[in-house]
Amino acid sequence: MSVIPCEQNKGLRDQIERFAEVLKTEAHKLGDHGLDEKDFYNSGLFRGAVERVRGQFSATMRGKREFAQHALNHMEDGGFIAGWDLTEDANRNDYIVRLSSGRTAIIDLKGCLDGNNTNIFERPANADEFVIWSICTNPGADPRKNAWSGIHTRLSAEMISRNQRVDGVVIWDMVCGTIGRPCPKLLDASRATDLGPFRIPPACVYLLPAAIPSIANPHAPAQPLANVELLTAFHACFLGRDDELHHVDFDIARKGGELVRKTTVRRGGVVQQESEMTAIRRV
């Protein structure tokens, strides 16, 4: 049982770690810096270059935006949505989606969910539906750790603390189904979809509660797929199966003077992961 069907490719992760060690010890042989080994490592050149590359990978949204826009275009071309555009706050890489019913959905694009950026969201006043879409392009990241950290540790705490409803989460990107993140859904190759240069499996869809739990109403079950038109579109367009949908329930209670909550993730009617009653501490 797992919070998400895929898992990290341990072999690739080991190769990344071994290559990182080689890079740390052999970097002085690269380039035309003209420094000997001792001066090279004392100069800060290596550390500075690593931090620069790391920052460039973390900051750029170009590849993520390209993937998202290919997916939304495919949904529009197939008649699953009426259209889409960037929101006015384009710096956050959010999208406004015109649904076939006339409703409006807002997508907040995130990277890997195990990061502080997951905590930064605001449901717009004009959103009939509000969905967070995680595009985690690091093939060395652990998808199970990211999914649980994002949904339980971060999103549930923020939603309950700030009374901010999120209708659902999509965890899906161009690394899904690659050697870095093998996807069991692609055991049936006919379920793959070609999006421009990408070939991807069905999306992982998480349905969250329609209401924030309270002491008066402590159990907040996941809403049905039919209630979230945008997630219905993702599910239908990209060949999802109903037994692959994730339903996320929240429960809260008071323990001493502290508010505690439990997160339960179900897939195919079976509990895949469930927390203890844990304190709501925003990270």
C-alpha atoms as a PDB file:
ATOM      1  CA  MET A   1       0.000   0.000   0.000  1.00  0.00           C
ATOM      2  CA  SER A   2       1.248   3.480  -0.824  1.00  0.00           C
ATOM      3  CA  VAL A   3       0.055   7.064  -1.056  1.00  0.00           C
ATOM      4  CA  ILE A   4       0.946   7.059  -4.782  1.00  0.00           C
ATOM      5  CA  PRO A   5       1.296   4.062  -7.144  1.00  0.00           C
ATOM      6  CA  CYS A   6       4.782   4.870  -8.423  1.00  0.00           C
ATOM      7  CA  GLU A   7       8.008   4.747  -6.476  1.00  0.00           C
ATOM      8  CA  GLN A   8      11.502   6.082  -6.686  1.00  0.00           C
ATOM      9  CA  ASN A   9      13.954   4.199  -8.902  1.00  0.00           C
ATOM     10  CA  LYS A  10      16.446   3.134  -6.234  1.00  0.00           C
ATOM     11  CA  GLY A  11      19.059   2.168  -8.808  1.00  0.00           C
ATOM     12  CA  LEU A  12      18.985   5.627 -10.379  1.00  0.00           C
ATOM     13  CA  ARG A  13      19.119   7.240  -6.945  1.00  0.00           C
ATOM     14  CA  ASP A  14      22.253   5.198  -6.128  1.00  0.00           C
ATOM     15  CA  GLN A  15      23.834   6.241  -9.431  1.00  0.00           C
ATOM     16  CA  ILE A  16      23.084   9.890  -8.682  1.00  0.00           C
ATOM     17  CA  GLU A  17      24.751   9.587  -5.274  1.00  0.00           C
ATOM     18  CA  ARG A  18      27.818   7.866  -6.728  1.00  0.00           C
ATOM     19  CA  PHE A  19      28.136  10.443  -9.493  1.00  0.00           C
ATOM     20  CA  ALA A  20      27.813  13.252  -6.946  1.00  0.00           C
ATOM     21  CA  GLU A  21      30.758  11.806  -5.012  1.00  0.00           C
ATOM     22  CA  VAL A  22      32.847  11.560  -8.187  1.00  0.00           C
ATOM     23  CA  LEU A  23      31.945  15.121  -9.095  1.00  0.00           C
ATOM     24  CA  LYS A  24      33.035  16.404  -5.678  1.00  0.00           C
ATOM     25  CA  THR A  25      36.448  14.748  -5.920  1.00  0.00           C
ATOM     26  CA  GLU A  26      37.151  15.193  -9.653  1.00  0.00           C
ATOM     27  CA  ALA A  27      35.624  18.619 -10.374  1.00  0.00           C
ATOM     28  CA  HIS A  28      39.038  20.319 -10.364  1.00  0.00           C
ATOM     29  CA  LYS A  29      39.878  18.469 -13.600  1.00  0.00           C
ATOM     30  CA  LEU A  30      37.017  20.135 -15.466  1.00  0.00           C
ATOM     31  CA  GLY A  31      37.151  23.470 -17.264  1.00  0.00           C
ATOM     32  CA  ASP A  32      40.003  25.905 -17.911  1.00  0.00           C
ATOM     33  CA  HIS A  33      40.146  27.678 -14.531  1.00  0.00           C
ATOM     34  CA  GLY A  34      43.953  27.251 -14.329  1.00  0.00           C
ATOM     35  CA  LEU A  35      43.921  26.329 -10.623  1.00  0.00           C
ATOM     36  CA  ASP A  36      45.574  23.351  -8.997  1.00  0.00           C
ATOM     37  CA  GLU A  37      43.443  20.978  -6.930  1.00  0.00           C
ATOM     38  CA  LYS A  38      43.992  22.685  -3.560  1.00  0.00           C
ATOM     39  CA  ASP A  39      43.433  26.207  -4.866  1.00  0.00           C
ATOM     40  CA  PHE A  40      40.376  25.093  -6.817  1.00  0.00           C
ATOM     41  CA  TYR A  41      38.534  23.783  -3.760  1.00  0.00           C
ATOM     42  CA  ASN A  42      39.724  26.660  -1.553  1.00  0.00           C
ATOM     43  CA  SER A  43      38.581  29.238  -4.075  1.00  0.00           C
ATOM     44  CA  GLY A  44      34.871  28.561  -3.671  1.00  0.00           C
ATOM     45  CA  LEU A  45      34.568  28.072  -7.431  1.00  0.00           C
ATOM     46  CA  PHE A  46      33.120  24.578  -7.129  1.00  0.00           C
ATOM     47  CA  ARG A  47      30.594  25.449  -4.421  1.00  0.00           C
ATOM     48  CA  GLY A  48      29.563  28.595  -6.260  1.00  0.00           C
ATOM     49  CA  ALA A  49      29.021  26.703  -9.508  1.00  0.00           C
ATOM     50  CA  VAL A  50      26.969  24.008  -7.763  1.00  0.00           C
ATOM     51  CA  GLU A  51      24.768  26.602  -6.059  1.00  0.00           C
ATOM     52  CA  ARG A  52      24.275  28.449  -9.339  1.00  0.00           C
ATOM     53  CA  VAL A  53      23.189  25.303 -11.171  1.00  0.00           C
ATOM     54  CA  ARG A  54      20.945  24.304  -8.265  1.00  0.00           C
ATOM     55  CA  GLY A  55      19.324  27.721  -8.265  1.00  0.00           C
ATOM     56  CA  GLN A  56      18.760  27.617 -12.008  1.00  0.00           C
ATOM     57  CA  PHE A  57      17.064  24.219 -11.796  1.00  0.00           C
ATOM     58  CA  SER A  58      14.930  25.307  -8.845  1.00  0.00           C
ATOM     59  CA  ALA A  59      13.907  28.662 -10.227  1.00  0.00           C
ATOM     60  CA  THR A  60      13.053  27.855 -13.813  1.00  0.00           C
ATOM     61  CA  MET A  61       9.434  27.051 -14.608  1.00  0.00           C
ATOM     62  CA  ARG A  62       9.900  26.869 -18.365  1.00  0.00           C
ATOM     63  CA  GLY A  63       9.780  23.071 -18.644  1.00  0.00           C
ATOM     64  CA  LYS A  64       6.942  22.816 -16.141  1.00  0.00           C
ATOM     65  CA  ARG A  65       4.962  25.481 -17.939  1.00  0.00           C
ATOM     66  CA  GLU A  66       5.556  23.753 -21.285  1.00  0.00           C
ATOM     67  CA  PHE A  67       4.255  20.457 -19.922  1.00  0.00           C
ATOM     68  CA  ALA A  68       1.200  22.050 -18.298  1.00  0.00           C
ATOM     69  CA  GLN A  69       0.300  23.941 -21.439  1.00  0.00           C
ATOM     70  CA  HIS A  70       0.634  20.836 -23.638  1.00  0.00           C
ATOM     71  CA  ALA A  71      -1.730  19.035 -21.253  1.00  0.00           C
ATOM     72  CA  LEU A  72      -4.292  21.856 -21.153  1.00  0.00           C
ATOM     73  CA  ASN A  73      -4.198  22.216 -24.944  1.00  0.00           C
ATOM     74  CA  HIS A  74      -4.799  18.478 -25.287  1.00  0.00           C
ATOM     75  CA  MET A  75      -7.773  18.708 -22.913  1.00  0.00           C
ATOM     76  CA  GLU A  76      -9.202  21.653 -24.847  1.00  0.00           C
ATOM     77  CA  ASP A  77      -8.685  19.963 -28.223  1.00  0.00           C
ATOM     78  CA  GLY A  78     -10.503  16.879 -26.931  1.00  0.00           C
ATOM     79  CA  GLY A  79     -13.441  18.904 -25.650  1.00  0.00           C
ATOM     80  CA  PHE A  80     -12.781  18.056 -22.000  1.00  0.00           C
ATOM     81  CA  ILE A  81     -12.497  21.755 -21.110  1.00  0.00           C
ATOM     82  CA  ALA A  82     -13.790  24.851 -22.911  1.00  0.00           C
ATOM     83  CA  GLY A  83     -10.495  26.742 -22.752  1.00  0.00           C
ATOM     84  CA  TRP A  84      -7.744  28.064 -20.523  1.00  0.00           C
ATOM     85  CA  ASP A  85      -5.433  31.027 -19.999  1.00  0.00           C
ATOM     86  CA  LEU A  86      -2.841  32.380 -17.622  1.00  0.00           C
ATOM     87  CA  THR A  87      -4.291  34.166 -14.629  1.00  0.00           C
ATOM     88  CA  GLU A  88      -3.517  37.826 -14.052  1.00  0.00           C
ATOM     89  CA  ASP A  89      -0.911  36.694 -11.523  1.00  0.00           C
ATOM     90  CA  ALA A  90       1.152  34.953 -14.208  1.00  0.00           C
ATOM     91  CA  ASN A  91       4.334  35.116 -12.107  1.00  0.00           C
ATOM     92  CA  ARG A  92       2.887  32.325  -9.984  1.00  0.00           C
ATOM     93  CA  ASN A  93       2.335  30.211 -13.108  1.00  0.00           C
ATOM     94  CA  ASP A  94      -1.343  29.763 -12.326  1.00  0.00           C
ATOM     95  CA  TYR A  95      -3.963  28.916 -14.909  1.00  0.00           C
ATOM     96  CA  ILE A  96      -7.633  29.795 -15.220  1.00  0.00           C
ATOM     97  CA  VAL A  97      -9.669  27.049 -16.873  1.00  0.00           C
ATOM     98  CA  ARG A  98     -13.069  27.568 -18.436  1.00  0.00           C
ATOM     99  CA  LEU A  99     -15.005  24.382 -17.834  1.00  0.00           C
ATOM    100  CA  SER A 100     -17.612  23.005 -20.218  1.00  0.00           C
ATOM    101  CA  SER A 101     -20.408  23.717 -17.722  1.00  0.00           C
ATOM    102  CA  GLY A 102     -19.453  27.393 -17.543  1.00  0.00           C
ATOM    103  CA  ARG A 103     -17.757  27.005 -14.169  1.00  0.00           C
ATOM    104  CA  THR A 104     -14.295  28.434 -13.526  1.00  0.00           C
ATOM    105  CA  ALA A 105     -11.371  26.419 -12.181  1.00  0.00           C
ATOM    106  CA  ILE A 106      -8.045  27.815 -11.007  1.00  0.00           C
ATOM    107  CA  ILE A 107      -4.848  25.763 -11.072  1.00  0.00           C
ATOM    108  CA  ASP A 108      -1.956  26.607  -8.769  1.00  0.00           C
ATOM    109  CA  LEU A 109       1.166  25.049 -10.253  1.00  0.00           C
ATOM    110  CA  LYS A 110       3.715  23.721  -7.752  1.00  0.00           C
ATOM    111  CA  GLY A 111       6.996  21.848  -7.919  1.00  0.00           C
ATOM    112  CA  CYS A 112       7.745  18.904  -5.624  1.00  0.00           C
ATOM    113  CA  LEU A 113       5.250  18.965  -2.748  1.00  0.00           C
ATOM    114  CA  ASP A 114       7.903  18.425  -0.076  1.00  0.00           C
ATOM    115  CA  GLY A 115       8.829  22.107   0.005  1.00  0.00           C
ATOM    116  CA  ASN A 116       7.759  25.389   1.534  1.00  0.00           C
ATOM    117  CA  ASN A 117       6.192  26.583  -1.718  1.00  0.00           C
ATOM    118  CA  THR A 118       3.387  24.073  -1.143  1.00  0.00           C
ATOM    119  CA  ASN A 119       2.272  26.147   1.854  1.00  0.00           C
ATOM    120  CA  ILE A 120       1.850  29.278  -0.268  1.00  0.00           C
ATOM    121  CA  PHE A 121      -1.589  29.292  -1.855  1.00  0.00           C
ATOM    122  CA  GLU A 122      -4.766  31.354  -1.771  1.00  0.00           C
ATOM    123  CA  ARG A 123      -8.102  30.264  -3.163  1.00  0.00           C
ATOM    124  CA  PRO A 124      -9.222  33.062  -5.512  1.00  0.00           C
ATOM    125  CA  ALA A 125     -12.675  34.544  -4.991  1.00  0.00           C
ATOM    126  CA  ASN A 126     -13.680  33.711  -8.576  1.00  0.00           C
ATOM    127  CA  ALA A 127     -12.770  30.021  -8.314  1.00  0.00           C
ATOM    128  CA  ASP A 128     -15.634  27.550  -8.478  1.00  0.00           C
ATOM    129  CA  GLU A 129     -12.902  24.927  -8.193  1.00  0.00           C
ATOM    130  CA  PHE A 130      -9.338  25.259  -6.926  1.00  0.00           C
ATOM    131  CA  VAL A 131      -6.745  22.585  -7.695  1.00  0.00           C
ATOM    132  CA  ILE A 132      -3.043  22.275  -6.910  1.00  0.00           C
ATOM    133  CA  TRP A 133      -0.934  20.611  -9.610  1.00  0.00           C
ATOM    134  CA  SER A 134       2.471  19.264  -8.600  1.00  0.00           C
ATOM    135  CA  ILE A 135       5.052  19.048 -11.382  1.00  0.00           C
ATOM    136  CA  CYS A 136       8.172  17.576  -9.748  1.00  0.00           C
ATOM    137  CA  THR A 137      10.896  17.367 -12.367  1.00  0.00           C
ATOM    138  CA  ASN A 138      13.630  15.944 -10.107  1.00  0.00           C
ATOM    139  CA  PRO A 139      14.025  12.277 -11.112  1.00  0.00           C
ATOM    140  CA  GLY A 140      15.910  11.620  -7.872  1.00  0.00           C
ATOM    141  CA  ALA A 141      13.021  12.789  -5.677  1.00  0.00           C
ATOM    142  CA  ASP A 142      10.978  10.228  -3.753  1.00  0.00           C
ATOM    143  CA  PRO A 143       7.379  10.521  -5.059  1.00  0.00           C
ATOM    144  CA  ARG A 144       5.874   8.780  -2.015  1.00  0.00           C
ATOM    145  CA  LYS A 145       7.621  11.079   0.435  1.00  0.00           C
ATOM    146  CA  ASN A 146       6.631  14.130  -1.611  1.00  0.00           C
ATOM    147  CA  ALA A 147       2.973  13.120  -1.919  1.00  0.00           C
ATOM    148  CA  TRP A 148       2.500  12.406   1.787  1.00  0.00           C
ATOM    149  CA  SER A 149       4.487  15.426   2.924  1.00  0.00           C
ATOM    150  CA  GLY A 150       2.509  17.684   0.616  1.00  0.00           C
ATOM    151  CA  ILE A 151      -0.967  16.381   1.378  1.00  0.00           C
ATOM    152  CA  HIS A 152      -0.687  15.628   5.101  1.00  0.00           C
ATOM    153  CA  THR A 153       2.154  17.682   6.555  1.00  0.00           C
ATOM    154  CA  ARG A 154       1.629  20.831   4.512  1.00  0.00           C
ATOM    155  CA  LEU A 155      -1.730  21.113   2.774  1.00  0.00           C
ATOM    156  CA  SER A 156      -3.947  19.727   5.534  1.00  0.00           C
ATOM    157  CA  ALA A 157      -2.330  21.998   8.131  1.00  0.00           C
ATOM    158  CA  GLU A 158      -2.678  25.086   5.937  1.00  0.00           C
ATOM    159  CA  MET A 159      -6.220  24.300   4.857  1.00  0.00           C
ATOM    160  CA  ILE A 160      -7.441  23.790   8.402  1.00  0.00           C
ATOM    161  CA  SER A 161      -5.467  26.643   9.969  1.00  0.00           C
ATOM    162  CA  ARG A 162      -6.449  29.224   7.344  1.00  0.00           C
ATOM    163  CA  ASN A 163      -9.847  27.795   6.365  1.00  0.00           C
ATOM    164  CA  GLN A 164      -8.639  27.543   2.746  1.00  0.00           C
ATOM    165  CA  ARG A 165     -10.400  24.883   0.702  1.00  0.00           C
ATOM    166  CA  VAL A 166      -8.470  23.015  -1.978  1.00  0.00           C
ATOM    167  CA  ASP A 167     -10.711  20.764  -4.053  1.00  0.00           C
ATOM    168  CA  GLY A 168      -8.011  18.429  -5.229  1.00  0.00           C
ATOM    169  CA  VAL A 169      -4.404  17.724  -6.082  1.00  0.00           C
ATOM    170  CA  VAL A 170      -2.892  16.434  -9.326  1.00  0.00           C
ATOM    171  CA  ILE A 171       0.565  14.841  -9.070  1.00  0.00           C
ATOM    172  CA  TRP A 172       1.755  14.335 -12.626  1.00  0.00           C
ATOM    173  CA  ASP A 173       4.615  15.475 -14.853  1.00  0.00           C
ATOM    174  CA  MET A 174       7.026  14.604 -17.641  1.00  0.00           C
ATOM    175  CA  VAL A 175       9.177  12.392 -15.368  1.00  0.00           C
ATOM    176  CA  CYS A 176       6.204  10.087 -14.719  1.00  0.00           C
ATOM    177  CA  GLY A 177       6.690   6.802 -16.546  1.00  0.00           C
ATOM    178  CA  THR A 178      10.393   7.398 -17.246  1.00  0.00           C
ATOM    179  CA  ILE A 179      13.317   5.373 -15.921  1.00  0.00           C
ATOM    180  CA  GLY A 180      13.562   7.789 -13.006  1.00  0.00           C
ATOM    181  CA  ARG A 181       9.958   7.206 -11.934  1.00  0.00           C
ATOM    182  CA  PRO A 182       8.505   3.974 -13.355  1.00  0.00           C
ATOM    183  CA  CYS A 183       4.687   3.984 -13.435  1.00  0.00           C
ATOM    184  CA  PRO A 184       2.715   0.750 -12.970  1.00  0.00           C
ATOM    185  CA  LYS A 185      -0.133   2.222 -15.028  1.00  0.00           C
ATOM    186  CA  LEU A 186       2.060   1.825 -18.105  1.00  0.00           C
ATOM    187  CA  LEU A 187       2.156  -1.953 -17.789  1.00  0.00           C
ATOM    188  CA  ASP A 188      -0.602  -1.420 -20.343  1.00  0.00           C
ATOM    189  CA  ALA A 189       1.244   0.642 -22.957  1.00  0.00           C
ATOM    190  CA  SER A 190      -2.024   1.664 -24.629  1.00  0.00           C
ATOM    191  CA  ARG A 191      -2.739   3.955 -21.666  1.00  0.00           C
ATOM    192  CA  ALA A 192       0.104   6.343 -22.538  1.00  0.00           C
ATOM    193  CA  THR A 193      -0.665   9.753 -24.024  1.00  0.00           C
ATOM    194  CA  ASP A 194       1.670  11.727 -26.278  1.00  0.00           C
ATOM    195  CA  LEU A 195       1.887  15.414 -25.359  1.00  0.00           C
ATOM    196  CA  GLY A 196       4.282  17.170 -27.721  1.00  0.00           C
ATOM    197  CA  PRO A 197       7.707  15.714 -26.839  1.00  0.00           C
ATOM    198  CA  PHE A 198       6.338  13.906 -23.778  1.00  0.00           C
ATOM    199  CA  ARG A 199       4.816  10.420 -23.456  1.00  0.00           C
ATOM    200  CA  ILE A 200       3.031  10.143 -20.144  1.00  0.00           C
ATOM    201  CA  PRO A 201       0.809   7.813 -18.088  1.00  0.00           C
ATOM    202  CA  PRO A 202      -2.605   8.743 -16.631  1.00  0.00           C
ATOM    203  CA  ALA A 203      -2.489  11.447 -13.977  1.00  0.00           C
ATOM    204  CA  CYS A 204      -2.581  10.747 -10.233  1.00  0.00           C
ATOM    205  CA  VAL A 205      -5.700  12.542  -8.965  1.00  0.00           C
ATOM    206  CA  TYR A 206      -6.469  13.282  -5.282  1.00  0.00           C
ATOM    207  CA  LEU A 207      -9.959  14.389  -4.244  1.00  0.00           C
ATOM    208  CA  LEU A 208     -10.015  16.499  -1.087  1.00  0.00           C
ATOM    209  CA  PRO A 209     -12.995  17.362   1.149  1.00  0.00           C
ATOM    210  CA  ALA A 210     -15.648  19.847   0.029  1.00  0.00           C
ATOM    211  CA  ALA A 211     -15.591  21.473   3.477  1.00  0.00           C
ATOM    212  CA  ILE A 212     -12.923  22.215   6.075  1.00  0.00           C
ATOM    213  CA  PRO A 213     -13.427  20.058   9.202  1.00  0.00           C
ATOM    214  CA  SER A 214     -14.355  21.754  12.459  1.00  0.00           C
ATOM    215  CA  ILE A 215     -14.938  20.685  16.045  1.00  0.00           C
ATOM    216  CA  ALA A 216     -18.676  20.775  15.303  1.00  0.00           C
ATOM    217  CA  ASN A 217     -18.171  18.681  12.145  1.00  0.00           C
ATOM    218  CA  PRO A 218     -14.891  16.849  12.763  1.00  0.00           C
ATOM    219  CA  HIS A 219     -15.019  14.375   9.866  1.00  0.00           C
ATOM    220  CA  ALA A 220     -14.514  15.805   6.377  1.00  0.00           C
ATOM    221  CA  PRO A 221     -14.700  13.076   3.713  1.00  0.00           C
ATOM    222  CA  ALA A 222     -13.305  13.415   0.228  1.00  0.00           C
ATOM    223  CA  GLN A 223     -15.797  14.749  -2.275  1.00  0.00           C
ATOM    224  CA  PRO A 224     -16.843  12.558  -5.221  1.00  0.00           C
ATOM    225  CA  LEU A 225     -15.179  12.997  -8.596  1.00  0.00           C
ATOM    226  CA  ALA A 226     -18.396  14.292 -10.148  1.00  0.00           C
ATOM    227  CA  ASN A 227     -18.231  17.337  -7.861  1.00  0.00           C
ATOM    228  CA  VAL A 228     -14.884  18.540  -9.277  1.00  0.00           C
ATOM    229  CA  GLU A 229     -15.283  19.078 -13.004  1.00  0.00           C
ATOM    230  CA  LEU A 230     -11.629  19.884 -13.662  1.00  0.00           C
ATOM    231  CA  LEU A 231     -10.444  16.646 -12.040  1.00  0.00           C
ATOM    232  CA  THR A 232     -13.121  14.755 -13.964  1.00  0.00           C
ATOM    233  CA  ALA A 233     -11.600  16.233 -17.141  1.00  0.00           C
ATOM    234  CA  PHE A 234      -8.050  15.190 -16.174  1.00  0.00           C
ATOM    235  CA  HIS A 235      -9.271  11.705 -15.271  1.00  0.00           C
ATOM    236  CA  ALA A 236     -11.261  11.156 -18.480  1.00  0.00           C
ATOM    237  CA  CYS A 237      -8.879  12.832 -20.924  1.00  0.00           C
ATOM    238  CA  PHE A 238      -5.777  10.980 -19.750  1.00  0.00           C
ATOM    239  CA  LEU A 239      -7.337   7.508 -19.468  1.00  0.00           C
ATOM    240  CA  GLY A 240      -7.624   7.255 -15.709  1.00  0.00           C
ATOM    241  CA  ARG A 241      -9.468   4.381 -14.058  1.00  0.00           C
ATOM    242  CA  ASP A 242     -11.873   4.866 -11.179  1.00  0.00           C
ATOM    243  CA  ASP A 243     -10.009   2.393  -8.960  1.00  0.00           C
ATOM    244  CA  GLU A 244      -6.900   4.595  -9.311  1.00  0.00           C
ATOM    245  CA  LEU A 245      -8.546   7.716  -7.883  1.00  0.00           C
ATOM    246  CA  HIS A 246      -7.324   8.843  -4.474  1.00  0.00           C
ATOM    247  CA  HIS A 247      -9.845   9.999  -1.865  1.00  0.00           C
ATOM    248  CA  VAL A 248      -8.432  12.076   1.003  1.00  0.00           C
ATOM    249  CA  ASP A 249     -10.365  12.431   4.288  1.00  0.00           C
ATOM    250  CA  PHE A 250      -9.533  14.790   7.150  1.00  0.00           C
ATOM    251  CA  ASP A 251     -10.558  14.371  10.803  1.00  0.00           C
ATOM    252  CA  ILE A 252      -9.870  16.840  13.603  1.00  0.00           C
ATOM    253  CA  ALA A 253     -10.193  16.824  17.396  1.00  0.00           C
ATOM    254  CA  ARG A 254      -8.939  18.646  20.461  1.00  0.00           C
ATOM    255  CA  LYS A 255      -6.257  16.950  22.505  1.00  0.00           C
ATOM    256  CA  GLY A 256      -5.523  18.921  25.627  1.00  0.00           C
ATOM    257  CA  GLY A 257      -5.379  22.498  24.432  1.00  0.00           C
ATOM    258  CA  GLU A 258      -4.169  21.522  20.975  1.00  0.00           C
ATOM    259  CA  LEU A 259      -5.992  20.963  17.691  1.00  0.00           C
ATOM    260  CA  VAL A 260      -4.995  17.671  16.072  1.00  0.00           C
ATOM    261  CA  ARG A 261      -5.892  16.146  12.710  1.00  0.00           C
ATOM    262  CA  LYS A 262      -5.750  12.835  10.901  1.00  0.00           C
ATOM    263  CA  THR A 263      -5.281  12.382   7.156  1.00  0.00           C
ATOM    264  CA  THR A 264      -6.497   9.228   5.416  1.00  0.00           C
ATOM    265  CA  VAL A 265      -5.765   8.415   1.761  1.00  0.00           C
ATOM    266  CA  ARG A 266      -7.918   5.752   0.096  1.00  0.00           C
ATOM    267  CA  ARG A 267      -7.478   4.240  -3.357  1.00  0.00           C
ATOM    268  CA  GLY A 268      -9.828   1.661  -4.828  1.00  0.00           C
ATOM    269  CA  GLY A 269     -11.774   1.645  -1.556  1.00  0.00           C
ATOM    270  CA  VAL A 270      -8.687   0.574   0.416  1.00  0.00           C
ATOM    271  CA  VAL A 271      -6.810   2.761   2.916  1.00  0.00           C
ATOM    272  CA  GLN A 272      -3.344   3.319   1.458  1.00  0.00           C
ATOM    273  CA  GLN A 273      -1.901   5.567   4.169  1.00  0.00           C
ATOM    274  CA  GLU A 274      -3.255   7.080   7.347  1.00  0.00           C
ATOM    275  CA  SER A 275      -1.663   9.354   9.910  1.00  0.00           C
ATOM    276  CA  GLU A 276      -2.101   9.364  13.657  1.00  0.00           C
ATOM    277  CA  MET A 277      -3.931  12.296  15.196  1.00  0.00           C
ATOM    278  CA  THR A 278      -1.099  14.821  14.866  1.00  0.00           C
ATOM    279  CA  ALA A 279      -0.794  18.425  15.986  1.00  0.00           C
ATOM    280  CA  ILE A 280      -1.439  21.115  13.418  1.00  0.00           C
ATOM    281  CA  ARG A 281       1.916  22.828  13.134  1.00  0.00           C
ATOM    282  CA  ARG A 282       2.398  24.868   9.996  1.00  0.00           C
ATOM    283  CA  VAL A 283       5.876  24.296   8.557  1.00  0.00           C
END
